[in-house]
């Protein structure tokens, strides 16, 4: 036998041997995964049994029991009544006096100025791009 025949025999048997070895490795991994799956299933069953056991100890209180504990009968349900002059605008919630309305106006003015600035800058950039395109087209025609 010469070397080329030995190489041909080795290459001819290498494919099936690699397939058998790969199949054996995959079979081993499947068995390992099946055992891990069984272990996880047992852990899930144990956790469910523990949750059922713990749920039996929890007693939900009724509305009457909660009100009896949370609000004794001698205390009023609300702390005070609102007077008509106590009503504030929703945007000024938490703010006090004319200074708050001035701050709200300044904030609104800054927002408008900011939006107008952005719009003006976008339009200026658009005009500059149109100028560049026009100049480029003029250079092409010359």
N, C-alpha and C. Protein backbone atom coordinates (compact mmCIF):
# COMPACT_ATOMS: atom_id res chain seq x y z
N UNK A 1 0.83 -1.18 0.00
CA UNK A 1 0.00 0.00 0.00
C UNK A 1 0.87 1.24 0.00
N UNK A 2 0.51 2.11 -0.85
CA UNK A 2 1.24 3.37 -0.88
C UNK A 2 0.51 4.43 -0.04
N UNK A 3 1.14 5.59 0.08
CA UNK A 3 0.59 6.64 0.95
C UNK A 3 -0.75 7.19 0.46
N UNK A 4 -0.93 7.30 -0.82
CA UNK A 4 -2.19 7.85 -1.33
C UNK A 4 -3.36 6.91 -1.02
N UNK A 5 -3.13 5.61 -1.04
CA UNK A 5 -4.20 4.65 -0.71
C UNK A 5 -4.55 4.75 0.77
N UNK A 6 -3.53 4.90 1.61
CA UNK A 6 -3.78 5.01 3.05
C UNK A 6 -4.56 6.30 3.33
N UNK A 7 -4.20 7.40 2.67
CA UNK A 7 -4.92 8.66 2.85
C UNK A 7 -6.37 8.54 2.37
N UNK A 8 -6.57 7.87 1.26
CA UNK A 8 -7.94 7.68 0.77
C UNK A 8 -8.77 6.85 1.74
N UNK A 9 -8.18 5.79 2.30
CA UNK A 9 -8.91 4.98 3.28
C UNK A 9 -9.21 5.80 4.55
N UNK A 10 -8.22 6.58 4.99
CA UNK A 10 -8.42 7.42 6.19
C UNK A 10 -9.51 8.45 5.95
N UNK A 11 -9.49 9.10 4.79
CA UNK A 11 -10.52 10.09 4.48
C UNK A 11 -11.88 9.44 4.29
N UNK A 12 -11.91 8.26 3.72
CA UNK A 12 -13.19 7.57 3.51
C UNK A 12 -13.82 7.15 4.83
N UNK A 13 -13.01 6.78 5.82
CA UNK A 13 -13.57 6.36 7.11
C UNK A 13 -13.75 7.54 8.06
N UNK A 14 -13.09 8.67 7.81
CA UNK A 14 -13.16 9.82 8.72
C UNK A 14 -14.57 10.41 8.76
N UNK A 15 -15.24 10.50 7.64
CA UNK A 15 -16.59 11.07 7.61
C UNK A 15 -17.58 10.28 8.45
N UNK A 16 -17.72 8.97 8.20
CA UNK A 16 -18.65 8.18 9.02
C UNK A 16 -18.27 8.14 10.50
N UNK A 17 -16.96 8.06 10.80
CA UNK A 17 -16.54 8.04 12.20
C UNK A 17 -16.91 9.37 12.87
N UNK A 18 -16.67 10.48 12.17
CA UNK A 18 -17.03 11.79 12.73
C UNK A 18 -18.54 11.89 12.94
N UNK A 19 -19.31 11.33 12.02
CA UNK A 19 -20.76 11.34 12.18
C UNK A 19 -21.20 10.55 13.40
N UNK A 20 -20.59 9.36 13.60
CA UNK A 20 -20.95 8.53 14.75
C UNK A 20 -20.56 9.22 16.05
N UNK A 21 -19.36 9.81 16.07
CA UNK A 21 -18.91 10.52 17.28
C UNK A 21 -19.81 11.72 17.56
N UNK A 22 -20.15 12.49 16.52
CA UNK A 22 -21.04 13.63 16.71
C UNK A 22 -22.41 13.21 17.21
N UNK A 23 -22.93 12.11 16.67
CA UNK A 23 -24.22 11.60 17.12
C UNK A 23 -24.16 11.17 18.58
N UNK A 24 -23.05 10.52 18.96
CA UNK A 24 -22.91 10.09 20.35
C UNK A 24 -22.84 11.30 21.29
N UNK A 25 -22.14 12.35 20.86
CA UNK A 25 -22.06 13.56 21.69
C UNK A 25 -23.43 14.20 21.83
N UNK A 26 -24.17 14.28 20.72
CA UNK A 26 -25.52 14.87 20.79
C UNK A 26 -26.44 14.02 21.65
N UNK A 27 -26.33 12.70 21.57
CA UNK A 27 -27.15 11.82 22.39
C UNK A 27 -26.85 12.03 23.87
N UNK A 28 -25.56 12.21 24.19
CA UNK A 28 -25.18 12.47 25.57
C UNK A 28 -25.75 13.80 26.05
N UNK A 29 -25.71 14.83 25.19
CA UNK A 29 -26.27 16.13 25.57
C UNK A 29 -27.78 16.05 25.75
N UNK A 30 -28.45 15.25 24.93
CA UNK A 30 -29.90 15.11 25.08
C UNK A 30 -30.23 14.45 26.41
N UNK A 31 -29.47 13.42 26.78
CA UNK A 31 -29.71 12.77 28.07
C UNK A 31 -29.47 13.74 29.22
N UNK A 32 -28.40 14.55 29.11
CA UNK A 32 -28.10 15.53 30.15
C UNK A 32 -29.21 16.57 30.26
N UNK A 33 -29.70 17.06 29.11
CA UNK A 33 -30.78 18.05 29.13
C UNK A 33 -32.07 17.45 29.68
N UNK A 34 -32.32 16.17 29.39
CA UNK A 34 -33.52 15.53 29.93
C UNK A 34 -33.45 15.44 31.45
N UNK A 35 -32.27 15.12 31.97
CA UNK A 35 -32.10 15.07 33.43
C UNK A 35 -32.26 16.46 34.05
N UNK A 36 -31.71 17.48 33.40
CA UNK A 36 -31.87 18.85 33.90
C UNK A 36 -33.34 19.27 33.87
N UNK A 37 -34.05 18.87 32.81
CA UNK A 37 -35.48 19.18 32.70
C UNK A 37 -36.26 18.51 33.82
N UNK A 38 -35.96 17.24 34.11
CA UNK A 38 -36.64 16.55 35.20
C UNK A 38 -36.35 17.23 36.54
N UNK A 39 -35.11 17.66 36.73
CA UNK A 39 -34.74 18.35 37.97
C UNK A 39 -35.52 19.65 38.11
N UNK A 40 -35.61 20.42 37.02
CA UNK A 40 -36.37 21.67 37.06
C UNK A 40 -37.85 21.43 37.30
N UNK A 41 -38.40 20.38 36.70
CA UNK A 41 -39.81 20.05 36.93
C UNK A 41 -40.05 19.73 38.40
N UNK A 42 -39.14 18.99 39.02
CA UNK A 42 -39.27 18.69 40.45
C UNK A 42 -39.16 19.95 41.29
N UNK A 43 -38.26 20.86 40.92
CA UNK A 43 -38.16 22.13 41.66
C UNK A 43 -39.42 22.96 41.51
N UNK A 44 -40.01 22.97 40.31
CA UNK A 44 -41.26 23.71 40.09
C UNK A 44 -42.37 23.13 40.94
N UNK A 45 -42.46 21.79 40.98
CA UNK A 45 -43.50 21.16 41.81
C UNK A 45 -43.31 21.50 43.28
N UNK A 46 -42.06 21.50 43.75
CA UNK A 46 -41.79 21.84 45.15
C UNK A 46 -42.16 23.30 45.44
N UNK A 47 -41.84 24.20 44.50
CA UNK A 47 -42.20 25.61 44.70
C UNK A 47 -43.71 25.81 44.69
N UNK A 48 -44.42 25.11 43.81
CA UNK A 48 -45.88 25.23 43.80
C UNK A 48 -46.48 24.71 45.10
N UNK A 49 -45.96 23.58 45.60
CA UNK A 49 -46.47 23.05 46.87
C UNK A 49 -46.20 24.03 48.00
N UNK A 50 -45.01 24.65 48.00
CA UNK A 50 -44.70 25.63 49.03
C UNK A 50 -45.59 26.85 48.91
N UNK A 51 -45.88 27.30 47.66
CA UNK A 51 -46.76 28.46 47.47
C UNK A 51 -48.17 28.15 47.95
N UNK A 52 -48.65 26.93 47.68
CA UNK A 52 -49.99 26.55 48.17
C UNK A 52 -50.01 26.53 49.69
N UNK A 53 -48.95 26.02 50.30
CA UNK A 53 -48.88 25.98 51.76
C UNK A 53 -48.84 27.39 52.34
N UNK A 54 -48.06 28.29 51.68
CA UNK A 54 -47.98 29.68 52.16
C UNK A 54 -49.28 30.43 51.93
N UNK A 55 -49.99 30.14 50.84
CA UNK A 55 -51.27 30.81 50.57
C UNK A 55 -52.32 30.46 51.61
N UNK A 56 -52.21 29.31 52.22
CA UNK A 56 -53.19 28.92 53.23
C UNK A 56 -53.03 29.73 54.50
N UNK A 57 -51.84 30.29 54.73
CA UNK A 57 -51.62 31.10 55.93
C UNK A 57 -52.09 32.53 55.76
N UNK A 58 -52.23 33.00 54.53
CA UNK A 58 -52.61 34.39 54.28
C UNK A 58 -54.13 34.50 54.30
N UNK A 59 -54.62 35.41 55.12
CA UNK A 59 -56.05 35.64 55.22
C UNK A 59 -56.32 37.06 54.73
N UNK A 60 -57.17 37.18 53.74
CA UNK A 60 -57.49 38.50 53.22
C UNK A 60 -58.53 39.17 54.11
N UNK A 61 -58.26 40.44 54.44
CA UNK A 61 -59.16 41.19 55.30
C UNK A 61 -60.31 41.73 54.48
N UNK A 62 -61.46 41.83 55.12
CA UNK A 62 -62.63 42.40 54.45
C UNK A 62 -62.54 43.92 54.50
N UNK A 63 -63.40 44.58 53.73
CA UNK A 63 -63.39 46.05 53.71
C UNK A 63 -63.73 46.63 55.08
N UNK A 64 -64.64 46.00 55.78
CA UNK A 64 -65.02 46.51 57.10
C UNK A 64 -63.85 46.43 58.08
N UNK A 65 -63.09 45.34 58.00
CA UNK A 65 -61.94 45.21 58.90
C UNK A 65 -60.87 46.25 58.59
N UNK A 66 -60.65 46.50 57.33
CA UNK A 66 -59.65 47.50 56.94
C UNK A 66 -60.08 48.87 57.41
N UNK A 67 -61.34 49.24 57.21
CA UNK A 67 -61.82 50.56 57.64
C UNK A 67 -61.78 50.69 59.16
N UNK A 68 -62.06 49.62 59.87
CA UNK A 68 -62.05 49.67 61.34
C UNK A 68 -60.62 49.94 61.84
N UNK A 69 -59.61 49.36 61.18
CA UNK A 69 -58.24 49.54 61.63
C UNK A 69 -57.65 50.84 61.09
N UNK A 70 -57.90 51.15 59.83
CA UNK A 70 -57.28 52.29 59.19
C UNK A 70 -57.89 53.62 59.62
N UNK A 71 -59.20 53.66 59.88
CA UNK A 71 -59.87 54.92 60.21
C UNK A 71 -60.77 54.71 61.42
N UNK A 72 -60.28 55.09 62.58
CA UNK A 72 -61.14 54.98 63.77
C UNK A 72 -62.37 55.86 63.63
N UNK A 73 -63.42 55.52 64.35
CA UNK A 73 -64.69 56.22 64.22
C UNK A 73 -64.66 57.66 64.71
N UNK A 74 -63.78 57.99 65.65
CA UNK A 74 -63.77 59.34 66.18
C UNK A 74 -63.03 60.35 65.29
N UNK A 75 -62.28 59.89 64.28
CA UNK A 75 -61.58 60.81 63.38
C UNK A 75 -62.43 61.09 62.15
N UNK A 76 -62.40 62.33 61.65
CA UNK A 76 -63.17 62.62 60.43
C UNK A 76 -62.53 61.96 59.21
N UNK A 77 -63.34 61.79 58.18
CA UNK A 77 -62.84 61.13 56.99
C UNK A 77 -61.93 62.04 56.18
N UNK A 78 -62.24 63.33 56.15
CA UNK A 78 -61.41 64.29 55.41
C UNK A 78 -60.81 65.26 56.40
N UNK A 79 -59.64 65.83 56.06
CA UNK A 79 -58.96 66.69 57.00
C UNK A 79 -59.60 68.08 57.05
N UNK A 80 -60.01 68.65 55.91
CA UNK A 80 -60.66 69.96 55.90
C UNK A 80 -61.44 70.12 54.61
N UNK A 81 -62.39 71.03 54.64
CA UNK A 81 -63.18 71.31 53.44
C UNK A 81 -62.47 72.38 52.64
N UNK A 82 -62.60 72.34 51.33
CA UNK A 82 -61.99 73.36 50.47
C UNK A 82 -62.91 74.56 50.36
N UNK A 83 -62.32 75.71 50.46
CA UNK A 83 -63.09 76.94 50.27
C UNK A 83 -63.00 77.34 48.80
N UNK A 84 -63.94 78.15 48.31
CA UNK A 84 -63.91 78.53 46.89
C UNK A 84 -62.66 79.30 46.49
N UNK A 85 -62.06 80.08 47.39
CA UNK A 85 -60.86 80.84 47.02
C UNK A 85 -59.59 79.98 47.12
N UNK A 86 -59.72 78.74 47.55
CA UNK A 86 -58.58 77.84 47.66
C UNK A 86 -58.29 77.10 46.35
N UNK A 87 -59.17 77.26 45.37
CA UNK A 87 -59.01 76.54 44.11
C UNK A 87 -57.93 77.22 43.28
N UNK A 88 -57.00 76.42 42.74
CA UNK A 88 -55.92 76.94 41.91
C UNK A 88 -56.00 76.34 40.53
N UNK A 89 -55.32 77.00 39.60
CA UNK A 89 -55.24 76.46 38.24
C UNK A 89 -54.34 75.23 38.25
N UNK A 90 -54.61 74.24 37.38
CA UNK A 90 -53.80 73.03 37.39
C UNK A 90 -52.32 73.27 37.07
N UNK A 91 -52.01 74.29 36.25
CA UNK A 91 -50.62 74.52 35.89
C UNK A 91 -49.84 75.15 37.04
N UNK A 92 -50.54 75.79 37.97
CA UNK A 92 -49.89 76.45 39.10
C UNK A 92 -49.95 75.59 40.36
N UNK A 93 -50.16 74.30 40.22
CA UNK A 93 -50.29 73.42 41.37
C UNK A 93 -48.99 73.43 42.16
N UNK A 94 -49.07 73.67 43.41
CA UNK A 94 -47.90 73.70 44.27
C UNK A 94 -47.22 75.06 44.31
N UNK A 95 -47.63 76.00 43.50
CA UNK A 95 -47.02 77.31 43.48
C UNK A 95 -47.87 78.27 44.30
N UNK A 96 -47.23 79.32 44.80
CA UNK A 96 -47.94 80.26 45.67
C UNK A 96 -47.79 81.67 45.12
N UNK A 97 -48.91 82.38 45.02
CA UNK A 97 -48.91 83.80 44.73
C UNK A 97 -48.65 84.18 43.29
N UNK A 98 -48.51 85.52 43.05
CA UNK A 98 -48.32 86.04 41.69
C UNK A 98 -46.97 85.69 41.11
N UNK A 99 -46.00 85.40 41.97
CA UNK A 99 -44.68 85.03 41.47
C UNK A 99 -44.75 83.74 40.65
N UNK A 100 -45.61 82.82 41.06
CA UNK A 100 -45.75 81.55 40.36
C UNK A 100 -46.33 81.77 38.97
N UNK A 101 -47.32 82.65 38.87
CA UNK A 101 -47.90 82.90 37.55
C UNK A 101 -46.88 83.60 36.65
N UNK A 102 -46.03 84.46 37.23
CA UNK A 102 -44.98 85.10 36.45
C UNK A 102 -43.97 84.06 35.95
N UNK A 103 -43.62 83.13 36.82
CA UNK A 103 -42.70 82.07 36.41
C UNK A 103 -43.31 81.19 35.32
N UNK A 104 -44.61 80.94 35.42
CA UNK A 104 -45.28 80.13 34.40
C UNK A 104 -45.28 80.87 33.07
N UNK A 105 -45.50 82.17 33.10
CA UNK A 105 -45.49 82.95 31.86
C UNK A 105 -44.09 82.98 31.24
N UNK A 106 -43.07 83.16 32.07
CA UNK A 106 -41.69 83.17 31.58
C UNK A 106 -41.35 81.81 30.97
N UNK A 107 -41.76 80.74 31.63
CA UNK A 107 -41.52 79.39 31.10
C UNK A 107 -42.19 79.21 29.75
N UNK A 108 -43.44 79.63 29.64
CA UNK A 108 -44.16 79.51 28.37
C UNK A 108 -43.49 80.36 27.28
N UNK A 109 -43.04 81.55 27.64
CA UNK A 109 -42.37 82.42 26.68
C UNK A 109 -41.06 81.81 26.20
N UNK A 110 -40.30 81.20 27.11
CA UNK A 110 -39.04 80.54 26.73
C UNK A 110 -39.29 79.36 25.81
N UNK A 111 -40.36 78.65 26.03
CA UNK A 111 -40.69 77.53 25.15
C UNK A 111 -41.01 78.03 23.75
N UNK A 112 -41.80 79.09 23.66
CA UNK A 112 -42.15 79.65 22.35
C UNK A 112 -40.91 80.18 21.65
N UNK A 113 -40.04 80.88 22.37
CA UNK A 113 -38.82 81.41 21.77
C UNK A 113 -37.93 80.27 21.30
N UNK A 114 -37.81 79.23 22.06
CA UNK A 114 -37.00 78.08 21.66
C UNK A 114 -37.51 77.41 20.40
N UNK A 115 -38.81 77.21 20.32
CA UNK A 115 -39.40 76.59 19.13
C UNK A 115 -39.21 77.50 17.92
N UNK A 116 -39.42 78.80 18.10
CA UNK A 116 -39.23 79.73 16.98
C UNK A 116 -37.78 79.75 16.51
N UNK A 117 -36.83 79.68 17.44
CA UNK A 117 -35.42 79.65 17.07
C UNK A 117 -35.09 78.41 16.25
N UNK A 118 -35.61 77.28 16.66
CA UNK A 118 -35.35 76.03 15.92
C UNK A 118 -35.94 76.12 14.52
N UNK A 119 -37.16 76.64 14.40
CA UNK A 119 -37.79 76.76 13.09
C UNK A 119 -36.99 77.70 12.19
N UNK A 120 -36.54 78.84 12.73
CA UNK A 120 -35.76 79.80 11.94
C UNK A 120 -34.44 79.18 11.49
N UNK A 121 -33.77 78.46 12.36
CA UNK A 121 -32.51 77.82 11.99
C UNK A 121 -32.70 76.76 10.90
N UNK A 122 -33.78 75.99 10.98
CA UNK A 122 -34.06 74.98 9.95
C UNK A 122 -34.34 75.66 8.62
N UNK A 123 -35.12 76.74 8.63
CA UNK A 123 -35.39 77.46 7.39
C UNK A 123 -34.13 78.09 6.81
N UNK A 124 -33.26 78.63 7.66
CA UNK A 124 -32.01 79.22 7.18
C UNK A 124 -31.12 78.16 6.56
N UNK A 125 -31.06 76.99 7.16
CA UNK A 125 -30.26 75.91 6.59
C UNK A 125 -30.84 75.44 5.27
N UNK A 126 -32.16 75.41 5.18
CA UNK A 126 -32.81 75.03 3.91
C UNK A 126 -32.47 76.04 2.82
N UNK A 127 -32.54 77.34 3.13
CA UNK A 127 -32.19 78.36 2.14
C UNK A 127 -30.73 78.26 1.74
N UNK A 128 -29.85 77.98 2.69
CA UNK A 128 -28.43 77.84 2.38
C UNK A 128 -28.21 76.63 1.46
N UNK A 129 -28.91 75.52 1.70
CA UNK A 129 -28.79 74.35 0.82
C UNK A 129 -29.30 74.67 -0.58
N UNK A 130 -30.40 75.42 -0.68
CA UNK A 130 -30.92 75.80 -1.99
C UNK A 130 -29.91 76.69 -2.73
N UNK A 131 -29.26 77.60 -2.01
CA UNK A 131 -28.23 78.45 -2.61
C UNK A 131 -27.07 77.60 -3.12
N UNK A 132 -26.63 76.63 -2.33
CA UNK A 132 -25.51 75.78 -2.76
C UNK A 132 -25.88 74.96 -3.99
N UNK A 133 -27.12 74.45 -4.03
CA UNK A 133 -27.55 73.67 -5.20
C UNK A 133 -27.59 74.57 -6.43
N UNK A 134 -28.12 75.79 -6.27
CA UNK A 134 -28.16 76.73 -7.39
C UNK A 134 -26.77 77.08 -7.88
N UNK A 135 -25.84 77.34 -6.98
CA UNK A 135 -24.46 77.66 -7.37
C UNK A 135 -23.82 76.47 -8.06
N UNK A 136 -24.09 75.28 -7.60
CA UNK A 136 -23.53 74.08 -8.22
C UNK A 136 -24.08 73.91 -9.64
N UNK A 137 -25.39 74.14 -9.81
CA UNK A 137 -25.99 74.01 -11.14
C UNK A 137 -25.43 75.07 -12.10
N UNK A 138 -25.18 76.31 -11.60
CA UNK A 138 -24.60 77.33 -12.44
C UNK A 138 -23.19 76.97 -12.87
N UNK A 139 -22.41 76.36 -11.99
CA UNK A 139 -21.07 75.94 -12.35
C UNK A 139 -21.10 74.81 -13.38
N UNK A 140 -22.12 73.97 -13.31
CA UNK A 140 -22.22 72.88 -14.29
C UNK A 140 -22.56 73.41 -15.69
N UNK A 141 -23.34 74.47 -15.77
CA UNK A 141 -23.75 75.00 -17.07
C UNK A 141 -22.64 75.83 -17.71
N UNK A 142 -21.69 76.32 -16.92
CA UNK A 142 -20.59 77.13 -17.50
C UNK A 142 -19.59 76.31 -18.23
